[in-house]
């Protein structure tokens, strides 16, 4: 187990050690894996899908050391591993880690509050709308629908689990509002 550190994932998306331990009983092939970017000076940035705690499972920790000045590169390496190899959606990443590493310019949707992101998207759509000619009001409305459909298609291709999230939002739109309150 990693000794100390700040975790890359938000705690709510990490499994409880007690839940994971039940999978280990009677199985020799189940191992809990942690990947650590260890910065000089004693700070570790840890990626793992299980919260720290007492486990009945074997745990493997893979560590790569970085100079303190390369904190940005260290966090980028962990994000790359988490999103590309382990297919973790970006919204599960801890925004405090992103801010610490100075990566808000690359991941603005993680760093900003949801209301700010929505205002920016609305402003961007409004700006694009004023630049383009308005042929028919329904045509510009269709552009927005087509753009949203394109974004959703891309998201579904990158993250198959997003389909379940989308289904739940469509079935219970008020639940989405609760996430941002």
N, C-alpha and C. Protein backbone atom coordinates (compact mmCIF):
# COMPACT_ATOMS: atom_id res chain seq x y z
N UNK A 1 0.84 -1.19 0.00
CA UNK A 1 0.00 0.00 0.00
C UNK A 1 0.88 1.25 0.00
N UNK A 2 0.45 2.27 -0.73
CA UNK A 2 1.18 3.54 -0.66
C UNK A 2 1.13 4.09 0.77
N UNK A 3 2.23 4.65 1.23
CA UNK A 3 2.31 5.12 2.62
C UNK A 3 1.55 6.41 2.86
N UNK A 4 1.65 7.33 1.94
CA UNK A 4 1.03 8.64 2.13
C UNK A 4 0.73 9.20 0.75
N UNK A 5 0.02 10.30 0.73
CA UNK A 5 -0.17 10.95 -0.55
C UNK A 5 -1.57 11.48 -0.75
N UNK A 6 -1.71 12.15 -1.86
CA UNK A 6 -2.99 12.68 -2.28
C UNK A 6 -3.46 11.82 -3.45
N UNK A 7 -4.74 11.50 -3.46
CA UNK A 7 -5.26 10.58 -4.46
C UNK A 7 -5.78 11.32 -5.68
N UNK A 8 -5.52 10.75 -6.86
CA UNK A 8 -5.91 11.34 -8.13
C UNK A 8 -7.42 11.34 -8.31
N UNK A 9 -8.09 10.28 -7.86
CA UNK A 9 -9.54 10.19 -8.02
C UNK A 9 -10.26 10.84 -6.86
N UNK A 10 -11.46 11.35 -7.14
CA UNK A 10 -12.32 11.83 -6.07
C UNK A 10 -12.70 10.61 -5.21
N UNK A 11 -12.77 10.82 -3.93
CA UNK A 11 -13.01 9.71 -3.00
C UNK A 11 -14.31 8.98 -3.28
N UNK A 12 -15.32 9.70 -3.72
CA UNK A 12 -16.63 9.09 -3.96
C UNK A 12 -16.57 8.01 -5.06
N UNK A 13 -15.59 8.08 -5.93
CA UNK A 13 -15.47 7.10 -7.02
C UNK A 13 -14.51 5.96 -6.70
N UNK A 14 -14.02 5.93 -5.48
CA UNK A 14 -13.11 4.86 -5.07
C UNK A 14 -13.88 3.84 -4.23
N UNK A 15 -13.56 2.58 -4.40
CA UNK A 15 -14.23 1.50 -3.67
C UNK A 15 -13.75 1.46 -2.22
N UNK A 16 -14.61 1.03 -1.35
CA UNK A 16 -14.27 0.84 0.06
C UNK A 16 -13.41 -0.42 0.19
N UNK A 17 -12.41 -0.41 1.06
CA UNK A 17 -11.58 -1.61 1.25
C UNK A 17 -12.38 -2.85 1.65
N UNK A 18 -13.42 -2.66 2.45
CA UNK A 18 -14.23 -3.81 2.88
C UNK A 18 -14.96 -4.45 1.71
N UNK A 19 -15.42 -3.62 0.74
CA UNK A 19 -16.10 -4.16 -0.43
C UNK A 19 -15.14 -4.98 -1.29
N UNK A 20 -13.94 -4.47 -1.45
CA UNK A 20 -12.95 -5.14 -2.29
C UNK A 20 -12.46 -6.42 -1.63
N UNK A 21 -12.31 -6.40 -0.32
CA UNK A 21 -11.81 -7.57 0.39
C UNK A 21 -12.70 -8.78 0.18
N UNK A 22 -14.00 -8.57 0.01
CA UNK A 22 -14.91 -9.69 -0.22
C UNK A 22 -14.61 -10.39 -1.56
N UNK A 23 -14.06 -9.66 -2.53
CA UNK A 23 -13.69 -10.27 -3.82
C UNK A 23 -12.44 -11.14 -3.69
N UNK A 24 -11.62 -10.84 -2.71
CA UNK A 24 -10.34 -11.53 -2.58
C UNK A 24 -10.45 -12.90 -1.93
N UNK A 25 -11.43 -13.07 -1.11
CA UNK A 25 -11.56 -14.33 -0.39
C UNK A 25 -11.70 -15.49 -1.37
N UNK A 26 -10.78 -16.41 -1.30
CA UNK A 26 -10.83 -17.60 -2.15
C UNK A 26 -10.30 -17.39 -3.55
N UNK A 27 -9.78 -16.21 -3.84
CA UNK A 27 -9.22 -15.95 -5.18
C UNK A 27 -7.77 -15.54 -5.03
N UNK A 28 -6.91 -16.21 -5.73
CA UNK A 28 -5.49 -15.87 -5.69
C UNK A 28 -5.11 -14.83 -6.73
N UNK A 29 -5.94 -14.63 -7.73
CA UNK A 29 -5.56 -13.78 -8.86
C UNK A 29 -6.00 -12.33 -8.71
N UNK A 30 -6.68 -11.97 -7.64
CA UNK A 30 -7.18 -10.60 -7.47
C UNK A 30 -6.14 -9.77 -6.70
N UNK A 31 -5.63 -8.72 -7.32
CA UNK A 31 -4.63 -7.85 -6.70
C UNK A 31 -5.10 -6.40 -6.85
N UNK A 32 -5.01 -5.64 -5.79
CA UNK A 32 -5.33 -4.21 -5.83
C UNK A 32 -4.05 -3.47 -6.25
N UNK A 33 -4.19 -2.65 -7.30
CA UNK A 33 -3.02 -1.98 -7.88
C UNK A 33 -3.09 -0.48 -7.61
N UNK A 34 -1.95 0.07 -7.22
CA UNK A 34 -1.78 1.52 -7.07
C UNK A 34 -0.61 1.96 -7.94
N UNK A 35 -0.76 3.12 -8.56
CA UNK A 35 0.32 3.71 -9.35
C UNK A 35 0.64 5.05 -8.69
N UNK A 36 1.91 5.27 -8.36
CA UNK A 36 2.30 6.45 -7.59
C UNK A 36 3.32 7.28 -8.37
N UNK A 37 3.04 8.58 -8.42
CA UNK A 37 4.03 9.54 -8.91
C UNK A 37 4.61 10.18 -7.66
N UNK A 38 5.83 9.82 -7.33
CA UNK A 38 6.46 10.27 -6.09
C UNK A 38 7.33 11.49 -6.38
N UNK A 39 6.95 12.62 -5.79
CA UNK A 39 7.69 13.86 -5.99
C UNK A 39 8.75 14.03 -4.91
N UNK A 40 9.92 14.53 -5.31
CA UNK A 40 10.96 14.82 -4.33
C UNK A 40 10.40 15.73 -3.25
N UNK A 41 10.76 15.46 -2.03
CA UNK A 41 10.25 16.25 -0.91
C UNK A 41 9.16 15.53 -0.16
N UNK A 42 8.79 14.35 -0.63
CA UNK A 42 7.88 13.53 0.16
C UNK A 42 6.42 13.52 -0.24
N UNK A 43 6.03 14.20 -1.31
CA UNK A 43 4.63 14.17 -1.71
C UNK A 43 4.42 13.11 -2.78
N UNK A 44 3.44 12.25 -2.55
CA UNK A 44 3.09 11.23 -3.52
C UNK A 44 1.70 11.52 -4.06
N UNK A 45 1.53 11.43 -5.38
CA UNK A 45 0.22 11.51 -6.02
C UNK A 45 -0.11 10.08 -6.40
N UNK A 46 -1.22 9.58 -5.87
CA UNK A 46 -1.55 8.16 -5.97
C UNK A 46 -2.79 7.95 -6.83
N UNK A 47 -2.68 7.03 -7.76
CA UNK A 47 -3.86 6.59 -8.52
C UNK A 47 -4.17 5.16 -8.10
N UNK A 48 -5.39 4.97 -7.69
CA UNK A 48 -5.87 3.64 -7.33
C UNK A 48 -7.38 3.68 -7.29
N UNK A 49 -8.01 2.55 -7.49
CA UNK A 49 -9.47 2.50 -7.51
C UNK A 49 -10.07 2.14 -6.15
N UNK A 50 -9.19 1.91 -5.15
CA UNK A 50 -9.65 1.51 -3.81
C UNK A 50 -9.12 2.53 -2.80
N UNK A 51 -10.00 2.96 -1.89
CA UNK A 51 -9.60 3.89 -0.84
C UNK A 51 -8.52 3.25 0.03
N UNK A 52 -7.68 4.08 0.63
CA UNK A 52 -6.68 3.51 1.53
C UNK A 52 -7.35 2.89 2.76
N UNK A 53 -6.79 1.82 3.23
CA UNK A 53 -7.35 1.15 4.40
C UNK A 53 -6.87 -0.28 4.44
N UNK A 54 -7.32 -0.98 5.48
CA UNK A 54 -6.92 -2.38 5.67
C UNK A 54 -7.59 -3.25 4.62
N UNK A 55 -6.78 -3.98 3.87
CA UNK A 55 -7.27 -4.85 2.81
C UNK A 55 -6.93 -6.29 3.13
N UNK A 56 -7.80 -7.19 2.74
CA UNK A 56 -7.50 -8.61 2.83
C UNK A 56 -6.89 -9.10 1.51
N UNK A 57 -6.75 -8.20 0.57
CA UNK A 57 -6.22 -8.54 -0.76
C UNK A 57 -4.74 -8.18 -0.81
N UNK A 58 -4.01 -8.87 -1.67
CA UNK A 58 -2.64 -8.41 -1.91
C UNK A 58 -2.70 -7.08 -2.68
N UNK A 59 -1.77 -6.21 -2.38
CA UNK A 59 -1.72 -4.91 -3.06
C UNK A 59 -0.35 -4.76 -3.71
N UNK A 60 -0.36 -4.18 -4.90
CA UNK A 60 0.89 -3.90 -5.62
C UNK A 60 0.95 -2.41 -5.88
N UNK A 61 2.06 -1.80 -5.55
CA UNK A 61 2.25 -0.36 -5.77
C UNK A 61 3.42 -0.17 -6.72
N UNK A 62 3.14 0.53 -7.81
CA UNK A 62 4.17 0.85 -8.80
C UNK A 62 4.48 2.33 -8.66
N UNK A 63 5.75 2.64 -8.45
CA UNK A 63 6.17 4.01 -8.16
C UNK A 63 7.16 4.52 -9.20
N UNK A 64 6.93 5.75 -9.62
CA UNK A 64 7.90 6.44 -10.48
C UNK A 64 8.24 7.76 -9.79
N UNK A 65 9.52 8.03 -9.64
CA UNK A 65 9.97 9.25 -8.97
C UNK A 65 10.11 10.40 -9.96
N UNK A 66 9.73 11.58 -9.49
CA UNK A 66 9.82 12.80 -10.29
C UNK A 66 10.46 13.90 -9.44
N UNK A 67 11.27 14.77 -10.04
CA UNK A 67 11.73 15.96 -9.31
C UNK A 67 10.51 16.83 -8.99
N UNK A 68 10.56 17.55 -7.89
CA UNK A 68 9.43 18.39 -7.47
C UNK A 68 9.03 19.36 -8.58
N UNK A 69 10.01 19.85 -9.34
CA UNK A 69 9.74 20.81 -10.42
C UNK A 69 8.92 20.19 -11.55
N UNK A 70 8.84 18.86 -11.60
CA UNK A 70 8.11 18.18 -12.66
C UNK A 70 6.76 17.65 -12.17
N UNK A 71 6.16 18.33 -11.19
CA UNK A 71 4.86 17.91 -10.66
C UNK A 71 3.81 17.87 -11.77
N UNK A 72 3.86 18.83 -12.65
CA UNK A 72 2.91 18.88 -13.77
C UNK A 72 3.02 17.61 -14.62
N UNK A 73 4.23 17.25 -14.98
CA UNK A 73 4.47 16.06 -15.78
C UNK A 73 4.04 14.79 -15.04
N UNK A 74 4.28 14.77 -13.74
CA UNK A 74 3.91 13.60 -12.93
C UNK A 74 2.40 13.38 -12.94
N UNK A 75 1.66 14.46 -12.72
CA UNK A 75 0.19 14.34 -12.69
C UNK A 75 -0.34 14.02 -14.09
N UNK A 76 0.25 14.63 -15.12
CA UNK A 76 -0.17 14.31 -16.50
C UNK A 76 0.02 12.82 -16.79
N UNK A 77 1.11 12.25 -16.30
CA UNK A 77 1.39 10.83 -16.51
C UNK A 77 0.31 9.98 -15.85
N UNK A 78 -0.08 10.32 -14.63
CA UNK A 78 -1.13 9.56 -13.94
C UNK A 78 -2.48 9.72 -14.63
N UNK A 79 -2.81 10.93 -15.05
CA UNK A 79 -4.08 11.15 -15.74
C UNK A 79 -4.12 10.35 -17.04
N UNK A 80 -3.01 10.38 -17.75
CA UNK A 80 -2.92 9.62 -19.00
C UNK A 80 -3.15 8.13 -18.74
N UNK A 81 -2.51 7.60 -17.71
CA UNK A 81 -2.69 6.19 -17.37
C UNK A 81 -4.15 5.91 -16.99
N UNK A 82 -4.70 6.74 -16.11
CA UNK A 82 -6.06 6.51 -15.62
C UNK A 82 -7.10 6.58 -16.74
N UNK A 83 -6.97 7.56 -17.62
CA UNK A 83 -7.98 7.75 -18.65
C UNK A 83 -7.80 6.85 -19.86
N UNK A 84 -6.56 6.58 -20.24
CA UNK A 84 -6.34 5.78 -21.45
C UNK A 84 -6.25 4.29 -21.17
N UNK A 85 -5.60 3.91 -20.11
CA UNK A 85 -5.42 2.49 -19.81
C UNK A 85 -6.60 1.96 -19.01
N UNK A 86 -6.96 2.68 -17.95
CA UNK A 86 -8.02 2.21 -17.05
C UNK A 86 -9.40 2.76 -17.43
N UNK A 87 -9.46 3.62 -18.44
CA UNK A 87 -10.72 4.18 -18.98
C UNK A 87 -11.54 4.93 -17.94
N UNK A 88 -10.88 5.67 -17.05
CA UNK A 88 -11.56 6.47 -16.04
C UNK A 88 -12.05 7.75 -16.70
N UNK A 89 -13.33 8.10 -16.55
CA UNK A 89 -13.82 9.37 -17.10
C UNK A 89 -13.19 10.56 -16.36
N UNK A 90 -12.97 11.64 -17.07
CA UNK A 90 -12.30 12.81 -16.49
C UNK A 90 -13.03 13.37 -15.28
N UNK A 91 -14.36 13.28 -15.24
CA UNK A 91 -15.09 13.88 -14.12
C UNK A 91 -14.78 13.20 -12.79
N UNK A 92 -14.13 12.03 -12.80
CA UNK A 92 -13.76 11.35 -11.56
C UNK A 92 -12.43 11.84 -10.99
N UNK A 93 -11.71 12.66 -11.75
CA UNK A 93 -10.41 13.16 -11.33
C UNK A 93 -10.59 14.26 -10.29
N UNK A 94 -9.77 14.23 -9.26
CA UNK A 94 -9.80 15.21 -8.17
C UNK A 94 -9.33 16.58 -8.69
N UNK A 95 -10.19 17.60 -8.68
CA UNK A 95 -9.78 18.91 -9.21
C UNK A 95 -8.64 19.56 -8.42
N UNK A 96 -8.53 19.23 -7.14
CA UNK A 96 -7.44 19.81 -6.34
C UNK A 96 -6.08 19.36 -6.84
N UNK A 97 -5.98 18.13 -7.31
CA UNK A 97 -4.72 17.62 -7.84
C UNK A 97 -4.39 18.35 -9.15
N UNK A 98 -5.41 18.57 -9.97
CA UNK A 98 -5.23 19.29 -11.23
C UNK A 98 -4.74 20.72 -10.95
N UNK A 99 -5.36 21.37 -9.99
CA UNK A 99 -4.96 22.75 -9.63
C UNK A 99 -3.52 22.77 -9.09
N UNK A 100 -3.20 21.82 -8.22
CA UNK A 100 -1.86 21.73 -7.65
C UNK A 100 -0.80 21.63 -8.75
N UNK A 101 -1.08 20.83 -9.76
CA UNK A 101 -0.11 20.60 -10.84
C UNK A 101 -0.12 21.71 -11.88
N UNK A 102 -1.04 22.66 -11.77
CA UNK A 102 -1.11 23.74 -12.75
C UNK A 102 -1.64 23.29 -14.10
N UNK A 103 -2.58 22.36 -14.09
CA UNK A 103 -3.11 21.81 -15.34
C UNK A 103 -4.51 22.30 -15.69
N UNK A 104 -4.97 23.35 -15.03
CA UNK A 104 -6.34 23.83 -15.29
C UNK A 104 -6.52 24.32 -16.72
N UNK A 105 -5.44 24.80 -17.34
CA UNK A 105 -5.58 25.24 -18.73
C UNK A 105 -5.83 24.06 -19.66
N UNK A 106 -5.33 22.88 -19.34
CA UNK A 106 -5.56 21.69 -20.15
C UNK A 106 -6.85 20.96 -19.79
N UNK A 107 -7.30 21.11 -18.55
CA UNK A 107 -8.50 20.43 -18.08
C UNK A 107 -9.46 21.43 -17.43
N UNK A 108 -9.95 22.42 -18.20
CA UNK A 108 -10.80 23.45 -17.59
C UNK A 108 -12.12 22.90 -17.06
N UNK A 109 -12.63 21.85 -17.68
CA UNK A 109 -13.91 21.31 -17.22
C UNK A 109 -13.79 20.65 -15.86
N UNK A 110 -12.60 20.24 -15.48
CA UNK A 110 -12.40 19.63 -14.16
C UNK A 110 -12.22 20.72 -13.11
N UNK A 111 -11.48 21.77 -13.44
CA UNK A 111 -11.14 22.80 -12.46
C UNK A 111 -12.30 23.75 -12.14
N UNK A 112 -13.07 24.09 -13.15
CA UNK A 112 -14.12 25.08 -12.98
C UNK A 112 -15.35 24.49 -12.30
N UNK A 113 -16.09 25.35 -11.64
CA UNK A 113 -17.37 24.96 -11.07
C UNK A 113 -18.34 24.72 -12.22
N UNK A 114 -19.29 23.79 -12.08
CA UNK A 114 -20.22 23.49 -13.18
C UNK A 114 -20.96 24.72 -13.71
N UNK A 115 -21.35 25.63 -12.83
CA UNK A 115 -22.08 26.83 -13.29
C UNK A 115 -21.21 27.68 -14.21
N UNK A 116 -19.92 27.77 -13.92
CA UNK A 116 -18.99 28.54 -14.75
C UNK A 116 -18.83 27.87 -16.11
N UNK A 117 -18.72 26.56 -16.12
CA UNK A 117 -18.58 25.82 -17.38
C UNK A 117 -19.81 26.04 -18.24
N UNK A 118 -20.98 25.95 -17.64
CA UNK A 118 -22.24 26.15 -18.39
C UNK A 118 -22.29 27.56 -18.96
N UNK A 119 -21.90 28.57 -18.16
CA UNK A 119 -21.89 29.96 -18.67
C UNK A 119 -20.94 30.10 -19.85
N UNK A 120 -19.75 29.49 -19.76
CA UNK A 120 -18.79 29.57 -20.86
C UNK A 120 -19.31 28.89 -22.12
N UNK A 121 -19.92 27.72 -21.94
CA UNK A 121 -20.48 27.03 -23.10
C UNK A 121 -21.60 27.85 -23.73
N UNK A 122 -22.45 28.43 -22.90
CA UNK A 122 -23.53 29.26 -23.40
C UNK A 122 -22.98 30.47 -24.13
N UNK A 123 -21.96 31.10 -23.56
CA UNK A 123 -21.34 32.26 -24.20
C UNK A 123 -20.69 31.87 -25.52
N UNK A 124 -20.04 30.71 -25.56
CA UNK A 124 -19.42 30.23 -26.80
C UNK A 124 -20.44 29.97 -27.88
N UNK A 125 -21.57 29.38 -27.50
CA UNK A 125 -22.64 29.12 -28.47
C UNK A 125 -23.21 30.44 -28.96
N UNK A 126 -23.42 31.39 -28.05
CA UNK A 126 -23.96 32.69 -28.44
C UNK A 126 -23.01 33.42 -29.38
N UNK A 127 -21.71 33.36 -29.07
CA UNK A 127 -20.71 34.02 -29.92
C UNK A 127 -20.68 33.40 -31.31
N UNK A 128 -20.72 32.09 -31.38
CA UNK A 128 -20.71 31.40 -32.66
C UNK A 128 -21.98 31.73 -33.45
N UNK A 129 -23.06 31.85 -32.73
CA UNK A 129 -24.35 32.15 -33.35
C UNK A 129 -24.33 33.54 -33.99
N UNK A 130 -23.74 34.52 -33.29
CA UNK A 130 -23.70 35.87 -33.85
C UNK A 130 -22.76 35.97 -35.03
N UNK A 131 -21.70 35.17 -35.05
CA UNK A 131 -20.76 35.18 -36.17
C UNK A 131 -21.37 34.60 -37.43
N UNK A 132 -22.12 33.56 -37.26
CA UNK A 132 -22.72 32.92 -38.44
C UNK A 132 -24.00 33.65 -38.83
N UNK A 133 -24.35 33.54 -40.08
CA UNK A 133 -25.59 34.16 -40.54
C UNK A 133 -26.75 33.33 -40.06
N UNK A 134 -27.81 34.05 -39.73
CA UNK A 134 -29.03 33.35 -39.33
C UNK A 134 -29.90 33.19 -40.57
N UNK A 135 -29.92 32.00 -41.08
CA UNK A 135 -30.75 31.75 -42.25
C UNK A 135 -32.20 31.60 -41.80
N UNK A 136 -32.41 30.68 -40.94
CA UNK A 136 -33.73 30.43 -40.37
C UNK A 136 -33.51 30.11 -38.90
N UNK A 137 -34.37 30.58 -38.03
CA UNK A 137 -34.16 30.35 -36.60
C UNK A 137 -34.12 28.86 -36.27
N UNK A 138 -34.87 28.04 -36.98
CA UNK A 138 -34.83 26.60 -36.69
C UNK A 138 -33.51 26.00 -37.13
N UNK A 139 -32.89 26.57 -38.16
CA UNK A 139 -31.61 26.03 -38.62
C UNK A 139 -30.54 26.22 -37.56
N UNK A 140 -30.50 27.38 -36.89
CA UNK A 140 -29.50 27.59 -35.84
C UNK A 140 -29.79 26.72 -34.63
N UNK A 141 -31.08 26.50 -34.35
CA UNK A 141 -31.44 25.58 -33.27
C UNK A 141 -31.01 24.17 -33.58
N UNK A 142 -31.09 23.78 -34.85
CA UNK A 142 -30.66 22.45 -35.26
C UNK A 142 -29.14 22.30 -35.13
N UNK A 143 -28.41 23.39 -35.38
CA UNK A 143 -26.95 23.33 -35.22
C UNK A 143 -26.60 22.92 -33.80
N UNK A 144 -27.27 23.52 -32.82
CA UNK A 144 -26.99 23.21 -31.43
C UNK A 144 -27.31 21.75 -31.12
N UNK A 145 -28.44 21.26 -31.61
CA UNK A 145 -28.82 19.87 -31.39
C UNK A 145 -27.80 18.93 -32.03
N UNK A 146 -27.39 19.25 -33.27
CA UNK A 146 -26.41 18.42 -33.96
C UNK A 146 -25.07 18.43 -33.22
N UNK A 147 -24.66 19.58 -32.72
CA UNK A 147 -23.40 19.68 -31.99
C UNK A 147 -23.45 18.86 -30.69
N UNK A 148 -24.55 18.94 -29.97
CA UNK A 148 -24.71 18.14 -28.75
C UNK A 148 -24.72 16.65 -29.07
N UNK A 149 -25.38 16.26 -30.15
CA UNK A 149 -25.40 14.85 -30.55
C UNK A 149 -23.99 14.38 -30.90
N UNK A 150 -23.22 15.22 -31.58
CA UNK A 150 -21.84 14.85 -31.94
C UNK A 150 -21.00 14.64 -30.68
N UNK A 151 -21.12 15.55 -29.71
CA UNK A 151 -20.36 15.45 -28.47
C UNK A 151 -20.75 14.18 -27.71
N UNK A 152 -22.04 13.90 -27.63
CA UNK A 152 -22.50 12.69 -26.94
C UNK A 152 -22.00 11.43 -27.64
N UNK A 153 -22.01 11.41 -28.98
CA UNK A 153 -21.50 10.26 -29.72
C UNK A 153 -20.03 10.02 -29.41
N UNK A 154 -19.23 11.11 -29.41
CA UNK A 154 -17.81 10.98 -29.12
C UNK A 154 -17.59 10.45 -27.70
N UNK A 155 -18.36 10.98 -26.76
CA UNK A 155 -18.22 10.55 -25.37
C UNK A 155 -18.57 9.07 -25.22
N UNK A 156 -19.62 8.63 -25.91
CA UNK A 156 -20.02 7.23 -25.84
C UNK A 156 -18.95 6.31 -26.45
N UNK A 157 -18.29 6.79 -27.51
CA UNK A 157 -17.23 5.99 -28.12
C UNK A 157 -16.03 5.85 -27.19
N UNK A 158 -15.70 6.92 -26.45
CA UNK A 158 -14.55 6.91 -25.56
C UNK A 158 -14.81 6.16 -24.26
N UNK A 159 -16.05 6.23 -23.78
CA UNK A 159 -16.37 5.65 -22.47
C UNK A 159 -17.72 4.94 -22.55
N UNK A 160 -17.67 3.62 -22.69
CA UNK A 160 -18.90 2.84 -22.80
C UNK A 160 -19.80 2.98 -21.58
N UNK A 161 -19.23 3.21 -20.40
CA UNK A 161 -20.01 3.38 -19.17
C UNK A 161 -20.83 4.65 -19.17
N UNK A 162 -20.50 5.57 -20.06
CA UNK A 162 -21.23 6.84 -20.14
C UNK A 162 -22.68 6.60 -20.59
N UNK A 163 -22.92 5.53 -21.34
CA UNK A 163 -24.28 5.23 -21.80
C UNK A 163 -25.21 5.04 -20.61
N UNK A 164 -24.73 4.37 -19.57
CA UNK A 164 -25.55 4.16 -18.37
C UNK A 164 -25.83 5.49 -17.68
N UNK A 165 -24.82 6.36 -17.61
CA UNK A 165 -25.00 7.69 -17.01
C UNK A 165 -26.03 8.48 -17.80
N UNK A 166 -25.91 8.48 -19.11
CA UNK A 166 -26.83 9.20 -19.99
C UNK A 166 -28.25 8.68 -19.82
N UNK A 167 -28.40 7.37 -19.75
CA UNK A 167 -29.71 6.75 -19.57
C UNK A 167 -30.35 7.22 -18.27
N UNK A 168 -29.55 7.25 -17.20
CA UNK A 168 -30.09 7.69 -15.90
C UNK A 168 -30.49 9.16 -15.92
N UNK A 169 -29.71 9.99 -16.61
CA UNK A 169 -30.04 11.41 -16.70
C UNK A 169 -31.34 11.61 -17.47
N UNK A 170 -31.53 10.85 -18.55
CA UNK A 170 -32.75 10.96 -19.35
C UNK A 170 -33.95 10.50 -18.53
N UNK A 171 -33.79 9.40 -17.79
CA UNK A 171 -34.90 8.86 -16.99
C UNK A 171 -35.24 9.76 -15.81
N UNK A 172 -34.22 10.36 -15.16
CA UNK A 172 -34.44 11.19 -13.98
C UNK A 172 -33.62 12.47 -14.07
N UNK A 173 -34.06 13.45 -14.87
CA UNK A 173 -33.26 14.68 -15.04
C UNK A 173 -33.06 15.46 -13.75
N UNK A 174 -33.97 15.35 -12.80
CA UNK A 174 -33.81 16.08 -11.54
C UNK A 174 -32.63 15.56 -10.73
N UNK A 175 -32.25 14.30 -10.91
CA UNK A 175 -31.09 13.74 -10.22
C UNK A 175 -29.81 14.48 -10.63
N UNK A 176 -29.74 14.90 -11.90
CA UNK A 176 -28.57 15.63 -12.38
C UNK A 176 -28.41 16.95 -11.62
N UNK A 177 -29.51 17.63 -11.37
CA UNK A 177 -29.45 18.90 -10.63
C UNK A 177 -28.90 18.68 -9.22
N UNK A 178 -29.25 17.54 -8.61
CA UNK A 178 -28.78 17.23 -7.26
C UNK A 178 -27.26 17.11 -7.22
N UNK A 179 -26.65 16.68 -8.31
CA UNK A 179 -25.20 16.51 -8.35
C UNK A 179 -24.47 17.84 -8.23
N UNK A 180 -25.11 18.91 -8.64
CA UNK A 180 -24.45 20.22 -8.66
C UNK A 180 -24.91 21.15 -7.55
N UNK A 181 -25.69 20.64 -6.63
CA UNK A 181 -26.17 21.47 -5.52
C UNK A 181 -25.28 21.31 -4.33
